[in-house]
Every structure is written in C-alpha cells, then in structure tokens.
C-alpha cells in the first residue's frame, strides 16, 4: 500500500497522459483539478492541447469533470461550460467529500476513477485517501497563490524522492508502468 501523498503516476502535462493506458486499467472517469492543471492559475483560457486531449477522453467514452477549490465559482463554471463538462466548485479538497462529489457527477466509483492535479497535498492526498488512481502533473505556470508557493517547497522534496520510483503514464514517455509504490 502506498502512502497518501505518493501519486500512482507522474506526467509532464495533462495532454501527455496516455488515455489508452488509463482505459486499459479500467478507468471510466477522470476528475481534473482546474488551476495549473488545465488552465493557468486564476485564468479561464484553455490551451488547445487541453481541448484536444479532452476530445480524446470523450472519444474513448470516458467521463470527465472538474473538481476545484478555486474561490471564484464563476471562473470554474466558465471553464467547465466551455469544455462541456460538469464541475464541483469550492470543493474542499483534500477532503474525501470533494472527490465523492466528483465521482457522483461521473457515475463512477473509486476503482474506476482517476484524479489528475498539480498539487500533492490537495489533489493527490485527497484522491489517494479514497483509493483512486492518481496522476501528478507539473504545474502549467509558476504563478499561483502565496500559500501554494509555500507548500511547493515540500513538494519539490517529494518529487525528487519519487524520481525513478513512480511510473510515468505519458504517450511520449513510452510505457505506462505502474508505480512500484502503489
């Protein structure tokens, strides 16, 4: 059993994640973080790579929703509507209830859901708590809230610790090998 902060997989960005590998693992639903995972912190502009990746998600019959702690629900709603996906706003991650709401929106359970985010102590911790498959991505932008910048110091230590020990699940990274820690 892995500890609660270690992700199942690492990926550079959300659009590099191998969707066929996820589907092959029985994943039917994806919970996405918003800030610095699919849009820059505080922004609503969705990169073309993210939109294309989400079309691939839907082409494979996978469901996806945004679960975000962002304080401005209107911004979360704007991005979710643009992408045509449901959203859980002011979710309260890492609490399990945030991820349960996401799974409810997706119609999935912990065995068939993957959570993807850029923060260890919200996205990964909360999803691991419920036994979801987790993917930690590199933040899209260095711009973020002051409290997140403080937490990044500890995250950097953990990311160095995981190097070579946690598997990658990227198309351009080759295989989607499972972490030896999970």
N, C-alpha and C. Protein backbone atom coordinates (compact mmCIF):
# COMPACT_ATOMS: atom_id res chain seq x y z
N UNK A 1 0.84 -1.19 0.00
CA UNK A 1 0.00 0.00 0.00
C UNK A 1 0.88 1.25 0.00
N UNK A 2 0.55 2.20 -0.85
CA UNK A 2 1.35 3.42 -0.92
C UNK A 2 0.88 4.41 0.15
N UNK A 3 1.75 5.34 0.47
CA UNK A 3 1.36 6.38 1.41
C UNK A 3 0.39 7.33 0.73
N UNK A 4 -0.24 8.19 1.47
CA UNK A 4 -1.30 9.03 0.94
C UNK A 4 -0.84 10.18 0.06
N UNK A 5 0.45 10.51 0.06
CA UNK A 5 0.90 11.62 -0.78
C UNK A 5 1.61 11.17 -2.05
N UNK A 6 1.88 9.90 -2.21
CA UNK A 6 2.57 9.42 -3.40
C UNK A 6 1.58 9.14 -4.52
N UNK A 7 1.76 9.78 -5.68
CA UNK A 7 0.83 9.54 -6.79
C UNK A 7 1.05 8.16 -7.41
N UNK A 8 0.03 7.67 -8.09
CA UNK A 8 0.17 6.42 -8.84
C UNK A 8 1.13 6.61 -10.00
N UNK A 9 1.03 7.78 -10.64
CA UNK A 9 1.84 8.09 -11.82
C UNK A 9 2.23 9.56 -11.81
N UNK A 10 3.25 9.86 -12.60
CA UNK A 10 3.67 11.23 -12.87
C UNK A 10 3.49 11.51 -14.36
N UNK A 11 3.21 12.76 -14.71
CA UNK A 11 3.12 13.17 -16.11
C UNK A 11 3.56 14.62 -16.20
N UNK A 12 4.14 14.99 -17.34
CA UNK A 12 4.55 16.39 -17.51
C UNK A 12 3.33 17.31 -17.51
N UNK A 13 2.41 17.06 -18.40
CA UNK A 13 1.20 17.87 -18.51
C UNK A 13 0.02 16.94 -18.76
N UNK A 14 -1.16 17.44 -18.54
CA UNK A 14 -2.36 16.61 -18.69
C UNK A 14 -2.47 16.06 -20.11
N UNK A 15 -2.12 16.85 -21.12
CA UNK A 15 -2.29 16.42 -22.50
C UNK A 15 -1.26 15.37 -22.94
N UNK A 16 -0.29 15.06 -22.09
CA UNK A 16 0.67 13.99 -22.43
C UNK A 16 0.25 12.65 -21.84
N UNK A 17 -0.82 12.62 -21.06
CA UNK A 17 -1.27 11.39 -20.41
C UNK A 17 -1.86 10.44 -21.45
N UNK A 18 -1.43 9.19 -21.37
CA UNK A 18 -1.86 8.15 -22.30
C UNK A 18 -3.27 7.67 -21.93
N UNK A 19 -4.25 8.10 -22.69
CA UNK A 19 -5.64 7.76 -22.42
C UNK A 19 -5.93 6.28 -22.64
N UNK A 20 -5.26 5.67 -23.61
CA UNK A 20 -5.46 4.24 -23.84
C UNK A 20 -4.98 3.42 -22.64
N UNK A 21 -3.89 3.87 -22.03
CA UNK A 21 -3.39 3.19 -20.83
C UNK A 21 -4.41 3.32 -19.69
N UNK A 22 -4.97 4.50 -19.51
CA UNK A 22 -5.98 4.69 -18.46
C UNK A 22 -7.19 3.80 -18.71
N UNK A 23 -7.70 3.81 -19.93
CA UNK A 23 -8.85 2.97 -20.26
C UNK A 23 -8.52 1.49 -20.06
N UNK A 24 -7.30 1.11 -20.41
CA UNK A 24 -6.86 -0.28 -20.22
C UNK A 24 -6.78 -0.70 -18.76
N UNK A 25 -6.67 0.27 -17.87
CA UNK A 25 -6.64 -0.02 -16.43
C UNK A 25 -8.05 -0.04 -15.84
N UNK A 26 -9.07 0.16 -16.69
CA UNK A 26 -10.44 0.14 -16.20
C UNK A 26 -10.96 1.49 -15.74
N UNK A 27 -10.22 2.55 -16.04
CA UNK A 27 -10.67 3.89 -15.67
C UNK A 27 -11.82 4.29 -16.59
N UNK A 28 -12.91 4.76 -15.99
CA UNK A 28 -14.07 5.23 -16.76
C UNK A 28 -14.35 6.70 -16.54
N UNK A 29 -13.77 7.28 -15.49
CA UNK A 29 -14.00 8.68 -15.18
C UNK A 29 -12.74 9.37 -14.70
N UNK A 30 -12.61 10.64 -15.06
CA UNK A 30 -11.43 11.43 -14.70
C UNK A 30 -11.86 12.69 -13.97
N UNK A 31 -11.32 12.89 -12.78
CA UNK A 31 -11.51 14.11 -12.02
C UNK A 31 -10.30 15.00 -12.28
N UNK A 32 -10.55 16.19 -12.79
CA UNK A 32 -9.47 17.12 -13.11
C UNK A 32 -9.47 18.30 -12.15
N UNK A 33 -8.29 18.68 -11.70
CA UNK A 33 -8.12 19.94 -11.00
C UNK A 33 -8.18 21.04 -12.05
N UNK A 34 -8.44 22.25 -11.64
CA UNK A 34 -8.52 23.37 -12.57
C UNK A 34 -7.20 24.13 -12.67
N UNK A 35 -6.86 24.87 -11.60
CA UNK A 35 -5.73 25.78 -11.63
C UNK A 35 -4.39 25.07 -11.74
N UNK A 36 -3.63 25.47 -12.76
CA UNK A 36 -2.30 24.95 -13.06
C UNK A 36 -2.30 23.48 -13.46
N UNK A 37 -3.50 22.94 -13.72
CA UNK A 37 -3.62 21.60 -14.29
C UNK A 37 -4.18 21.70 -15.70
N UNK A 38 -5.34 22.39 -15.86
CA UNK A 38 -5.90 22.56 -17.21
C UNK A 38 -5.92 24.01 -17.67
N UNK A 39 -5.80 24.94 -16.75
CA UNK A 39 -5.64 26.37 -17.10
C UNK A 39 -4.60 26.96 -16.15
N UNK A 40 -3.97 28.05 -16.57
CA UNK A 40 -3.07 28.75 -15.67
C UNK A 40 -3.85 29.25 -14.45
N UNK A 41 -3.16 29.39 -13.33
CA UNK A 41 -3.79 29.84 -12.09
C UNK A 41 -4.53 31.16 -12.32
N UNK A 42 -5.79 31.21 -11.90
CA UNK A 42 -6.58 32.42 -11.99
C UNK A 42 -7.11 32.75 -13.38
N UNK A 43 -6.88 31.90 -14.37
CA UNK A 43 -7.23 32.18 -15.75
C UNK A 43 -8.44 31.35 -16.19
N UNK A 44 -8.99 31.68 -17.36
CA UNK A 44 -10.06 30.88 -17.95
C UNK A 44 -9.69 30.38 -19.34
N UNK A 45 -8.55 30.81 -19.86
CA UNK A 45 -8.14 30.41 -21.21
C UNK A 45 -7.68 28.95 -21.19
N UNK A 46 -8.31 28.14 -22.03
CA UNK A 46 -7.97 26.72 -22.14
C UNK A 46 -7.05 26.53 -23.33
N UNK A 47 -5.90 25.96 -23.08
CA UNK A 47 -4.92 25.71 -24.14
C UNK A 47 -5.49 24.73 -25.17
N UNK A 48 -5.13 24.88 -26.43
CA UNK A 48 -5.61 23.95 -27.46
C UNK A 48 -5.22 22.50 -27.16
N UNK A 49 -4.06 22.29 -26.54
CA UNK A 49 -3.63 20.93 -26.21
C UNK A 49 -4.58 20.27 -25.21
N UNK A 50 -5.08 21.07 -24.26
CA UNK A 50 -6.02 20.54 -23.27
C UNK A 50 -7.34 20.19 -23.95
N UNK A 51 -7.83 21.08 -24.80
CA UNK A 51 -9.09 20.82 -25.52
C UNK A 51 -8.98 19.57 -26.38
N UNK A 52 -7.87 19.42 -27.09
CA UNK A 52 -7.68 18.23 -27.93
C UNK A 52 -7.62 16.97 -27.08
N UNK A 53 -6.92 17.03 -25.95
CA UNK A 53 -6.83 15.87 -25.06
C UNK A 53 -8.21 15.50 -24.53
N UNK A 54 -9.01 16.50 -24.16
CA UNK A 54 -10.36 16.23 -23.65
C UNK A 54 -11.26 15.63 -24.73
N UNK A 55 -11.07 16.01 -25.98
CA UNK A 55 -11.82 15.35 -27.06
C UNK A 55 -11.43 13.88 -27.12
N UNK A 56 -10.14 13.59 -26.92
CA UNK A 56 -9.70 12.20 -26.89
C UNK A 56 -10.30 11.43 -25.73
N UNK A 57 -10.45 12.09 -24.58
CA UNK A 57 -11.09 11.48 -23.42
C UNK A 57 -12.51 11.07 -23.80
N UNK A 58 -13.26 12.00 -24.37
CA UNK A 58 -14.65 11.74 -24.72
C UNK A 58 -14.77 10.74 -25.86
N UNK A 59 -13.84 10.76 -26.82
CA UNK A 59 -13.84 9.79 -27.92
C UNK A 59 -13.70 8.36 -27.41
N UNK A 60 -13.03 8.19 -26.29
CA UNK A 60 -12.83 6.86 -25.70
C UNK A 60 -13.98 6.46 -24.77
N UNK A 61 -14.98 7.34 -24.67
CA UNK A 61 -16.12 7.04 -23.82
C UNK A 61 -15.87 7.26 -22.34
N UNK A 62 -14.79 7.96 -22.02
CA UNK A 62 -14.50 8.28 -20.62
C UNK A 62 -15.25 9.55 -20.24
N UNK A 63 -15.61 9.64 -18.98
CA UNK A 63 -16.27 10.84 -18.47
C UNK A 63 -15.24 11.69 -17.74
N UNK A 64 -15.49 12.99 -17.69
CA UNK A 64 -14.55 13.89 -17.03
C UNK A 64 -15.31 15.02 -16.35
N UNK A 65 -14.79 15.45 -15.20
CA UNK A 65 -15.35 16.62 -14.53
C UNK A 65 -14.22 17.37 -13.84
N UNK A 66 -14.48 18.64 -13.56
CA UNK A 66 -13.54 19.48 -12.83
C UNK A 66 -13.96 19.50 -11.37
N UNK A 67 -13.00 19.31 -10.48
CA UNK A 67 -13.21 19.47 -9.05
C UNK A 67 -12.18 20.49 -8.58
N UNK A 68 -12.66 21.65 -8.15
CA UNK A 68 -11.75 22.76 -7.88
C UNK A 68 -12.03 23.43 -6.54
N UNK A 69 -10.95 23.86 -5.89
CA UNK A 69 -11.05 24.66 -4.68
C UNK A 69 -11.06 26.15 -4.97
N UNK A 70 -11.03 26.53 -6.23
CA UNK A 70 -10.97 27.94 -6.60
C UNK A 70 -12.06 28.73 -5.87
N UNK A 71 -11.69 29.91 -5.43
CA UNK A 71 -12.61 30.73 -4.64
C UNK A 71 -13.65 31.46 -5.48
N UNK A 72 -13.41 31.56 -6.78
CA UNK A 72 -14.36 32.25 -7.66
C UNK A 72 -15.11 31.22 -8.50
N UNK A 73 -16.29 30.79 -8.05
CA UNK A 73 -17.03 29.75 -8.76
C UNK A 73 -17.39 30.13 -10.20
N UNK A 74 -17.59 31.42 -10.45
CA UNK A 74 -17.93 31.83 -11.81
C UNK A 74 -16.83 31.43 -12.80
N UNK A 75 -15.58 31.60 -12.41
CA UNK A 75 -14.45 31.24 -13.28
C UNK A 75 -14.43 29.74 -13.55
N UNK A 76 -14.67 28.95 -12.52
CA UNK A 76 -14.71 27.49 -12.68
C UNK A 76 -15.84 27.12 -13.63
N UNK A 77 -17.00 27.73 -13.43
CA UNK A 77 -18.17 27.46 -14.27
C UNK A 77 -17.90 27.82 -15.73
N UNK A 78 -17.23 28.95 -15.97
CA UNK A 78 -16.92 29.38 -17.34
C UNK A 78 -16.05 28.34 -18.05
N UNK A 79 -15.02 27.86 -17.38
CA UNK A 79 -14.13 26.87 -17.99
C UNK A 79 -14.87 25.56 -18.23
N UNK A 80 -15.62 25.11 -17.24
CA UNK A 80 -16.36 23.84 -17.37
C UNK A 80 -17.37 23.92 -18.51
N UNK A 81 -18.07 25.04 -18.61
CA UNK A 81 -19.05 25.19 -19.69
C UNK A 81 -18.38 25.21 -21.05
N UNK A 82 -17.24 25.90 -21.14
CA UNK A 82 -16.51 25.93 -22.41
C UNK A 82 -16.11 24.52 -22.83
N UNK A 83 -15.74 23.70 -21.87
CA UNK A 83 -15.30 22.34 -22.16
C UNK A 83 -16.47 21.35 -22.24
N UNK A 84 -17.64 21.78 -21.81
CA UNK A 84 -18.81 20.91 -21.85
C UNK A 84 -18.77 19.80 -20.83
N UNK A 85 -18.22 20.09 -19.64
CA UNK A 85 -18.10 19.08 -18.60
C UNK A 85 -18.65 19.62 -17.28
N UNK A 86 -19.09 18.73 -16.38
CA UNK A 86 -19.57 19.20 -15.08
C UNK A 86 -18.43 19.68 -14.19
N UNK A 87 -18.80 20.45 -13.16
CA UNK A 87 -17.80 20.97 -12.23
C UNK A 87 -18.32 20.92 -10.81
N UNK A 88 -17.41 20.64 -9.89
CA UNK A 88 -17.67 20.75 -8.46
C UNK A 88 -16.85 21.94 -8.00
N UNK A 89 -17.53 22.98 -7.53
CA UNK A 89 -16.86 24.23 -7.17
C UNK A 89 -16.72 24.36 -5.66
N UNK A 90 -15.67 25.10 -5.25
CA UNK A 90 -15.36 25.24 -3.82
C UNK A 90 -15.44 23.87 -3.16
N UNK A 91 -14.73 22.94 -3.74
CA UNK A 91 -14.86 21.52 -3.41
C UNK A 91 -14.40 21.15 -2.01
N UNK A 92 -13.37 21.80 -1.52
CA UNK A 92 -12.85 21.45 -0.20
C UNK A 92 -11.83 20.33 -0.21
N UNK A 93 -11.09 20.20 -1.34
CA UNK A 93 -10.02 19.20 -1.38
C UNK A 93 -8.97 19.56 -0.33
N UNK A 94 -8.42 18.62 0.35
CA UNK A 94 -8.35 17.19 0.09
C UNK A 94 -9.44 16.35 0.76
N UNK A 95 -10.47 16.93 1.30
CA UNK A 95 -11.49 16.14 1.97
C UNK A 95 -12.13 15.12 1.02
N UNK A 96 -12.38 13.92 1.49
CA UNK A 96 -12.97 12.89 0.64
C UNK A 96 -14.29 13.31 -0.01
N UNK A 97 -15.06 14.15 0.67
CA UNK A 97 -16.36 14.58 0.12
C UNK A 97 -16.19 15.27 -1.23
N UNK A 98 -15.10 15.99 -1.44
CA UNK A 98 -14.85 16.66 -2.72
C UNK A 98 -14.75 15.64 -3.85
N UNK A 99 -14.03 14.57 -3.61
CA UNK A 99 -13.84 13.55 -4.64
C UNK A 99 -15.08 12.69 -4.79
N UNK A 100 -15.80 12.47 -3.71
CA UNK A 100 -17.08 11.74 -3.81
C UNK A 100 -18.07 12.50 -4.69
N UNK A 101 -18.11 13.82 -4.53
CA UNK A 101 -18.99 14.64 -5.38
C UNK A 101 -18.58 14.51 -6.85
N UNK A 102 -17.30 14.49 -7.11
CA UNK A 102 -16.81 14.31 -8.47
C UNK A 102 -17.21 12.95 -9.03
N UNK A 103 -17.04 11.90 -8.23
CA UNK A 103 -17.43 10.56 -8.69
C UNK A 103 -18.93 10.47 -8.90
N UNK A 104 -19.70 11.14 -8.07
CA UNK A 104 -21.15 11.16 -8.25
C UNK A 104 -21.51 11.82 -9.58
N UNK A 105 -20.85 12.92 -9.91
CA UNK A 105 -21.09 13.60 -11.19
C UNK A 105 -20.70 12.72 -12.37
N UNK A 106 -19.70 11.88 -12.18
CA UNK A 106 -19.21 11.00 -13.25
C UNK A 106 -19.96 9.67 -13.32
N UNK A 107 -20.61 9.28 -12.24
CA UNK A 107 -21.25 7.97 -12.19
C UNK A 107 -20.23 6.85 -12.07
N UNK A 108 -19.13 7.13 -11.36
CA UNK A 108 -18.06 6.14 -11.19
C UNK A 108 -17.82 5.88 -9.71
N UNK A 109 -16.92 4.95 -9.43
CA UNK A 109 -16.52 4.67 -8.05
C UNK A 109 -15.01 4.77 -7.95
N UNK A 110 -14.47 4.52 -6.77
CA UNK A 110 -13.03 4.71 -6.56
C UNK A 110 -12.18 3.79 -7.43
N UNK A 111 -12.67 2.63 -7.78
CA UNK A 111 -11.90 1.70 -8.61
C UNK A 111 -11.87 2.06 -10.08
N UNK A 112 -12.78 2.94 -10.51
CA UNK A 112 -12.86 3.29 -11.93
C UNK A 112 -12.62 4.78 -12.18
N UNK A 113 -12.07 5.47 -11.18
CA UNK A 113 -11.85 6.91 -11.29
C UNK A 113 -10.38 7.25 -11.12
N UNK A 114 -9.93 8.19 -11.93
CA UNK A 114 -8.57 8.73 -11.85
C UNK A 114 -8.67 10.21 -11.53
N UNK A 115 -7.84 10.68 -10.63
CA UNK A 115 -7.77 12.11 -10.31
C UNK A 115 -6.44 12.65 -10.81
N UNK A 116 -6.51 13.79 -11.49
CA UNK A 116 -5.31 14.41 -12.06
C UNK A 116 -5.21 15.83 -11.52
N UNK A 117 -4.03 16.17 -10.99
CA UNK A 117 -3.82 17.51 -10.48
C UNK A 117 -2.36 17.84 -10.33
N UNK A 118 -2.09 19.09 -9.98
CA UNK A 118 -0.71 19.57 -9.87
C UNK A 118 -0.23 19.71 -8.42
N UNK A 119 -1.13 19.48 -7.45
CA UNK A 119 -0.74 19.67 -6.04
C UNK A 119 -0.82 18.37 -5.25
N UNK A 120 0.24 18.08 -4.56
CA UNK A 120 0.33 16.85 -3.78
C UNK A 120 -0.66 16.85 -2.62
N UNK A 121 -0.73 17.97 -1.88
CA UNK A 121 -1.47 17.97 -0.62
C UNK A 121 -2.95 18.31 -0.76
N UNK A 122 -3.42 18.49 -1.97
CA UNK A 122 -4.86 18.63 -2.20
C UNK A 122 -5.31 17.55 -3.16
N UNK A 123 -4.82 17.57 -4.39
CA UNK A 123 -5.27 16.66 -5.43
C UNK A 123 -4.89 15.20 -5.16
N UNK A 124 -3.65 14.96 -4.85
CA UNK A 124 -3.17 13.59 -4.69
C UNK A 124 -3.58 13.02 -3.33
N UNK A 125 -3.34 13.76 -2.27
CA UNK A 125 -3.70 13.30 -0.92
C UNK A 125 -5.18 12.92 -0.84
N UNK A 126 -6.04 13.82 -1.27
CA UNK A 126 -7.47 13.57 -1.17
C UNK A 126 -7.93 12.37 -1.99
N UNK A 127 -7.43 12.25 -3.20
CA UNK A 127 -7.83 11.13 -4.06
C UNK A 127 -7.25 9.81 -3.56
N UNK A 128 -6.00 9.82 -3.10
CA UNK A 128 -5.41 8.60 -2.55
C UNK A 128 -6.18 8.12 -1.31
N UNK A 129 -6.68 9.05 -0.54
CA UNK A 129 -7.44 8.75 0.66
C UNK A 129 -8.60 7.80 0.33
N UNK A 130 -9.19 7.98 -0.86
CA UNK A 130 -10.31 7.15 -1.29
C UNK A 130 -9.90 5.99 -2.19
N UNK A 131 -8.61 5.86 -2.48
CA UNK A 131 -8.14 4.75 -3.30
C UNK A 131 -8.24 4.96 -4.79
N UNK A 132 -8.35 6.21 -5.25
CA UNK A 132 -8.40 6.49 -6.67
C UNK A 132 -7.01 6.35 -7.28
N UNK A 133 -6.95 6.11 -8.57
CA UNK A 133 -5.70 6.21 -9.31
C UNK A 133 -5.39 7.70 -9.38
N UNK A 134 -4.13 8.08 -9.15
CA UNK A 134 -3.77 9.49 -9.13
C UNK A 134 -2.61 9.79 -10.07
N UNK A 135 -2.69 10.95 -10.71
CA UNK A 135 -1.61 11.40 -11.60
C UNK A 135 -1.25 12.82 -11.21
N UNK A 136 0.01 13.00 -10.88
CA UNK A 136 0.53 14.33 -10.54
C UNK A 136 1.19 14.92 -11.78
N UNK A 137 0.73 16.10 -12.19
CA UNK A 137 1.32 16.77 -13.34
C UNK A 137 2.15 17.97 -12.87
N UNK A 138 3.03 18.42 -13.72
CA UNK A 138 3.82 19.62 -13.46
C UNK A 138 2.90 20.83 -13.59
N UNK A 139 2.96 21.79 -12.68
CA UNK A 139 2.11 22.99 -12.79
C UNK A 139 2.34 23.70 -14.13
N UNK A 140 1.25 24.18 -14.72
CA UNK A 140 1.33 24.88 -16.01
C UNK A 140 2.09 26.20 -15.91
N UNK A 141 1.99 26.87 -14.77
CA UNK A 141 2.54 28.21 -14.64
C UNK A 141 3.20 28.37 -13.27
N UNK A 142 4.24 29.19 -13.18
CA UNK A 142 4.82 29.46 -11.87
C UNK A 142 3.95 30.40 -11.03
N UNK A 143 2.99 31.04 -11.65
CA UNK A 143 2.09 31.96 -10.95
C UNK A 143 1.05 31.16 -10.18
N UNK A 144 0.93 31.42 -8.87
CA UNK A 144 -0.05 30.74 -8.03
C UNK A 144 -0.23 31.49 -6.72
N UNK A 145 -1.14 31.01 -5.91
CA UNK A 145 -1.43 31.71 -4.66
C UNK A 145 -0.23 31.64 -3.72
N UNK A 146 -0.11 32.62 -2.81
CA UNK A 146 1.02 32.63 -1.87
C UNK A 146 1.11 31.36 -1.02
N UNK A 147 -0.02 30.84 -0.54
CA UNK A 147 0.06 29.64 0.30
C UNK A 147 0.51 28.43 -0.51
N UNK A 148 0.13 28.36 -1.78
CA UNK A 148 0.58 27.25 -2.62
C UNK A 148 2.08 27.33 -2.85
N UNK A 149 2.61 28.53 -3.02
CA UNK A 149 4.06 28.68 -3.22
C UNK A 149 4.84 28.15 -2.03
N UNK A 150 4.32 28.36 -0.82
CA UNK A 150 4.98 27.83 0.37
C UNK A 150 4.98 26.30 0.38
N UNK A 151 3.87 25.72 0.02
CA UNK A 151 3.74 24.26 0.03
C UNK A 151 4.63 23.62 -1.04
N UNK A 152 4.90 24.35 -2.12
CA UNK A 152 5.73 23.82 -3.21
C UNK A 152 7.14 23.44 -2.72
N UNK A 153 7.64 24.08 -1.66
CA UNK A 153 8.96 23.72 -1.15
C UNK A 153 8.99 22.25 -0.72
N UNK A 154 7.99 21.83 0.01
CA UNK A 154 7.90 20.43 0.44
C UNK A 154 7.63 19.52 -0.76
N UNK A 155 6.80 19.97 -1.67
CA UNK A 155 6.51 19.17 -2.86
C UNK A 155 7.78 18.90 -3.67
N UNK A 156 8.66 19.89 -3.78
CA UNK A 156 9.90 19.68 -4.53
C UNK A 156 10.72 18.55 -3.93
N UNK A 157 10.80 18.49 -2.61
CA UNK A 157 11.50 17.40 -1.94
C UNK A 157 10.86 16.06 -2.30
N UNK A 158 9.55 15.98 -2.25
CA UNK A 158 8.85 14.74 -2.57
C UNK A 158 9.05 14.34 -4.03
N UNK A 159 8.96 15.29 -4.93
CA UNK A 159 9.16 14.98 -6.36
C UNK A 159 10.56 14.41 -6.61
N UNK A 160 11.58 14.97 -5.93
CA UNK A 160 12.94 14.42 -6.07
C UNK A 160 12.99 13.00 -5.53
N UNK A 161 12.31 12.77 -4.42
CA UNK A 161 12.27 11.44 -3.80
C UNK A 161 11.61 10.41 -4.72
N UNK A 162 10.61 10.84 -5.48
CA UNK A 162 9.88 9.92 -6.35
C UNK A 162 10.58 9.65 -7.67
N UNK A 163 11.55 10.45 -8.03
CA UNK A 163 12.23 10.29 -9.32
C UNK A 163 12.73 8.86 -9.47
N UNK A 164 12.32 8.22 -10.54
CA UNK A 164 12.74 6.86 -10.81
C UNK A 164 11.96 5.80 -10.03
N UNK A 165 11.13 6.21 -9.07
CA UNK A 165 10.36 5.26 -8.27
C UNK A 165 8.89 5.25 -8.61
N UNK A 166 8.40 6.34 -9.16
CA UNK A 166 6.98 6.43 -9.53
C UNK A 166 6.91 6.41 -11.05
N UNK A 167 6.05 5.57 -11.59
CA UNK A 167 5.95 5.38 -13.02
C UNK A 167 5.36 6.57 -13.75
N UNK A 168 5.64 6.61 -15.05
CA UNK A 168 5.09 7.63 -15.93
C UNK A 168 3.92 7.02 -16.69
N UNK A 169 2.98 7.86 -17.08
CA UNK A 169 1.84 7.39 -17.87
C UNK A 169 1.64 8.32 -19.06
N UNK A 170 2.73 8.65 -19.72
CA UNK A 170 2.66 9.59 -20.84
C UNK A 170 2.86 8.89 -22.16
N UNK A 171 2.20 9.41 -23.18
CA UNK A 171 2.34 8.86 -24.53
C UNK A 171 3.77 8.99 -25.00
N UNK A 172 4.35 10.15 -24.81
CA UNK A 172 5.70 10.37 -25.29
C UNK A 172 6.75 9.80 -24.35
N UNK A 173 6.32 9.35 -23.18
CA UNK A 173 7.25 8.77 -22.22
C UNK A 173 7.39 7.26 -22.36
N UNK A 174 6.67 6.71 -23.34
CA UNK A 174 6.78 5.27 -23.55
C UNK A 174 5.71 4.52 -22.82
N UNK A 175 6.10 3.69 -21.90
CA UNK A 175 5.15 2.80 -21.23
C UNK A 175 4.40 3.50 -20.11
N UNK A 176 3.33 2.88 -19.75
CA UNK A 176 2.54 3.34 -18.62
C UNK A 176 2.74 2.34 -17.50
N UNK A 177 3.95 2.26 -17.00
CA UNK A 177 4.22 1.27 -15.96
C UNK A 177 3.70 1.77 -14.62
N UNK A 178 3.17 0.86 -13.87
CA UNK A 178 2.61 1.18 -12.57
C UNK A 178 3.73 1.47 -11.60
N UNK A 179 3.48 2.37 -10.70
CA UNK A 179 4.44 2.71 -9.66
C UNK A 179 4.74 1.49 -8.80
N UNK A 180 5.98 1.32 -8.42
CA UNK A 180 6.34 0.25 -7.52
C UNK A 180 5.86 0.54 -6.10
N UNK A 181 5.38 1.76 -5.90
CA UNK A 181 4.93 2.18 -4.56
C UNK A 181 3.44 1.98 -4.37
N UNK A 182 2.70 1.61 -5.41
CA UNK A 182 1.26 1.52 -5.24
C UNK A 182 0.81 0.14 -4.85
